[in-house]
Amino acid sequence: MTKPVKDLVAGAVTLVVGLVLWLFTGGVDMPVISPPKVGIVLMCLGALEALFGLYQWARARRA
């Protein structure tokens, strides 16, 4: 598996984990962090990583 594909898969998995946290941990109260907010951050990071993987894949195909 090439690096762009690994980045794409890792980003997609991170995005899904963030989505699950955001959707299903609304009633969980923790003293320091809020799981839904962590989910939003993970979704953003996962989307960025997946887009970066797509960018790398497109550049590799063009070269």
N, C-alpha and C. Protein backbone atom coordinates (compact mmCIF):
# COMPACT_ATOMS: atom_id res chain seq x y z
N MET A 1 0.84 -1.16 0.00
CA MET A 1 0.00 0.00 0.00
C MET A 1 0.90 1.24 0.00
N THR A 2 0.61 2.18 -0.88
CA THR A 2 1.45 3.37 -0.99
C THR A 2 1.09 4.39 0.09
N LYS A 3 1.99 5.35 0.29
CA LYS A 3 1.78 6.35 1.33
C LYS A 3 0.51 7.17 1.11
N PRO A 4 0.20 7.62 -0.11
CA PRO A 4 -1.06 8.37 -0.28
C PRO A 4 -2.29 7.56 0.11
N VAL A 5 -2.29 6.28 -0.21
CA VAL A 5 -3.43 5.44 0.14
C VAL A 5 -3.51 5.26 1.66
N LYS A 6 -2.37 5.09 2.31
CA LYS A 6 -2.36 4.98 3.77
C LYS A 6 -2.89 6.26 4.41
N ASP A 7 -2.46 7.41 3.89
CA ASP A 7 -2.95 8.68 4.43
C ASP A 7 -4.46 8.82 4.22
N LEU A 8 -4.93 8.41 3.07
CA LEU A 8 -6.36 8.48 2.78
C LEU A 8 -7.16 7.59 3.72
N VAL A 9 -6.71 6.37 3.92
CA VAL A 9 -7.41 5.43 4.81
C VAL A 9 -7.35 5.92 6.25
N ALA A 10 -6.19 6.37 6.70
CA ALA A 10 -6.06 6.87 8.07
C ALA A 10 -6.95 8.08 8.29
N GLY A 11 -7.02 8.96 7.32
CA GLY A 11 -7.90 10.12 7.44
C GLY A 11 -9.36 9.73 7.50
N ALA A 12 -9.75 8.77 6.68
CA ALA A 12 -11.15 8.32 6.69
C ALA A 12 -11.51 7.67 8.03
N VAL A 13 -10.60 6.86 8.56
CA VAL A 13 -10.86 6.21 9.85
C VAL A 13 -10.95 7.26 10.96
N THR A 14 -10.05 8.24 10.95
CA THR A 14 -10.08 9.30 11.95
C THR A 14 -11.38 10.10 11.85
N LEU A 15 -11.81 10.37 10.64
CA LEU A 15 -13.06 11.10 10.44
C LEU A 15 -14.25 10.30 11.00
N VAL A 16 -14.28 9.01 10.76
CA VAL A 16 -15.39 8.18 11.25
C VAL A 16 -15.37 8.10 12.78
N VAL A 17 -14.19 7.97 13.38
CA VAL A 17 -14.10 7.95 14.85
C VAL A 17 -14.60 9.27 15.43
N GLY A 18 -14.21 10.37 14.81
CA GLY A 18 -14.69 11.67 15.26
C GLY A 18 -16.19 11.81 15.12
N LEU A 19 -16.73 11.30 14.03
CA LEU A 19 -18.18 11.35 13.82
C LEU A 19 -18.91 10.55 14.89
N VAL A 20 -18.39 9.37 15.22
CA VAL A 20 -19.01 8.54 16.26
C VAL A 20 -18.97 9.26 17.61
N LEU A 21 -17.83 9.86 17.94
CA LEU A 21 -17.73 10.62 19.19
C LEU A 21 -18.72 11.77 19.21
N TRP A 22 -18.83 12.48 18.12
CA TRP A 22 -19.71 13.64 18.06
C TRP A 22 -21.19 13.24 18.18
N LEU A 23 -21.55 12.14 17.53
CA LEU A 23 -22.95 11.73 17.52
C LEU A 23 -23.41 11.05 18.81
N PHE A 24 -22.55 10.23 19.41
CA PHE A 24 -23.01 9.35 20.47
C PHE A 24 -22.49 9.68 21.86
N THR A 25 -21.75 10.76 22.05
CA THR A 25 -21.25 11.06 23.40
C THR A 25 -21.77 12.41 23.89
N GLY A 26 -22.93 12.81 23.44
CA GLY A 26 -23.49 14.09 23.84
C GLY A 26 -23.85 14.16 25.32
N GLY A 27 -24.22 13.05 25.92
CA GLY A 27 -24.63 13.04 27.32
C GLY A 27 -23.51 12.71 28.29
N VAL A 28 -22.30 12.51 27.80
CA VAL A 28 -21.18 12.13 28.66
C VAL A 28 -20.51 13.40 29.17
N ASP A 29 -20.38 13.51 30.50
CA ASP A 29 -19.71 14.66 31.10
C ASP A 29 -18.37 14.23 31.67
N MET A 30 -17.31 14.87 31.22
CA MET A 30 -15.97 14.61 31.73
C MET A 30 -15.43 15.92 32.29
N PRO A 31 -14.60 15.86 33.32
CA PRO A 31 -14.17 17.10 33.97
C PRO A 31 -13.27 17.99 33.11
N VAL A 32 -12.47 17.44 32.23
CA VAL A 32 -11.49 18.25 31.52
C VAL A 32 -11.87 18.48 30.06
N ILE A 33 -12.33 17.43 29.38
CA ILE A 33 -12.63 17.54 27.95
C ILE A 33 -14.08 17.20 27.68
N SER A 34 -14.56 17.66 26.56
CA SER A 34 -15.91 17.34 26.12
C SER A 34 -15.81 16.41 24.92
N PRO A 35 -16.25 15.16 25.04
CA PRO A 35 -16.11 14.21 23.93
C PRO A 35 -16.71 14.68 22.60
N PRO A 36 -17.87 15.36 22.59
CA PRO A 36 -18.36 15.84 21.28
C PRO A 36 -17.41 16.86 20.64
N LYS A 37 -16.78 17.70 21.45
CA LYS A 37 -15.83 18.68 20.88
C LYS A 37 -14.58 17.98 20.37
N VAL A 38 -14.14 16.95 21.06
CA VAL A 38 -13.01 16.15 20.59
C VAL A 38 -13.39 15.48 19.27
N GLY A 39 -14.64 15.03 19.16
CA GLY A 39 -15.11 14.44 17.92
C GLY A 39 -15.05 15.40 16.75
N ILE A 40 -15.43 16.66 16.99
CA ILE A 40 -15.37 17.66 15.94
C ILE A 40 -13.93 17.89 15.50
N VAL A 41 -13.02 17.97 16.46
CA VAL A 41 -11.60 18.17 16.13
C VAL A 41 -11.08 16.98 15.33
N LEU A 42 -11.44 15.76 15.73
CA LEU A 42 -10.99 14.57 15.00
C LEU A 42 -11.56 14.53 13.59
N MET A 43 -12.81 14.95 13.43
CA MET A 43 -13.39 14.99 12.08
C MET A 43 -12.63 15.96 11.19
N CYS A 44 -12.30 17.12 11.73
CA CYS A 44 -11.54 18.11 10.94
C CYS A 44 -10.16 17.58 10.56
N LEU A 45 -9.47 17.00 11.53
CA LEU A 45 -8.14 16.45 11.24
C LEU A 45 -8.21 15.28 10.26
N GLY A 46 -9.21 14.42 10.42
CA GLY A 46 -9.38 13.30 9.50
C GLY A 46 -9.66 13.76 8.09
N ALA A 47 -10.50 14.78 7.96
CA ALA A 47 -10.80 15.30 6.62
C ALA A 47 -9.55 15.91 5.99
N LEU A 48 -8.77 16.65 6.77
CA LEU A 48 -7.54 17.22 6.24
C LEU A 48 -6.56 16.14 5.80
N GLU A 49 -6.43 15.10 6.61
CA GLU A 49 -5.51 14.02 6.25
C GLU A 49 -5.97 13.27 5.01
N ALA A 50 -7.27 13.05 4.89
CA ALA A 50 -7.80 12.37 3.71
C ALA A 50 -7.60 13.23 2.47
N LEU A 51 -7.83 14.53 2.58
CA LEU A 51 -7.60 15.41 1.44
C LEU A 51 -6.13 15.46 1.05
N PHE A 52 -5.24 15.43 2.04
CA PHE A 52 -3.82 15.41 1.75
C PHE A 52 -3.44 14.11 1.03
N GLY A 53 -4.03 12.98 1.45
CA GLY A 53 -3.79 11.72 0.76
C GLY A 53 -4.26 11.76 -0.68
N LEU A 54 -5.43 12.36 -0.90
CA LEU A 54 -5.93 12.50 -2.28
C LEU A 54 -5.02 13.38 -3.11
N TYR A 55 -4.52 14.44 -2.51
CA TYR A 55 -3.60 15.34 -3.20
C TYR A 55 -2.31 14.61 -3.59
N GLN A 56 -1.75 13.85 -2.64
CA GLN A 56 -0.53 13.10 -2.93
C GLN A 56 -0.77 12.06 -4.02
N TRP A 57 -1.91 11.40 -3.97
CA TRP A 57 -2.25 10.38 -4.96
C TRP A 57 -2.38 11.01 -6.35
N ALA A 58 -3.01 12.19 -6.41
CA ALA A 58 -3.19 12.86 -7.71
C ALA A 58 -1.82 13.31 -8.26
N ARG A 59 -0.96 13.80 -7.40
CA ARG A 59 0.37 14.22 -7.86
C ARG A 59 1.19 13.03 -8.35
N ALA A 60 1.07 11.89 -7.66
CA ALA A 60 1.81 10.71 -8.06
C ALA A 60 1.32 10.17 -9.40
N ARG A 61 0.03 10.26 -9.64
CA ARG A 61 -0.53 9.79 -10.92
C ARG A 61 -0.10 10.67 -12.07
N ARG A 62 0.02 11.97 -11.81
CA ARG A 62 0.37 12.92 -12.86
C ARG A 62 1.86 12.81 -13.23
N ALA A 63 2.67 12.45 -12.26
CA ALA A 63 4.13 12.39 -12.51
C ALA A 63 4.54 11.19 -13.32
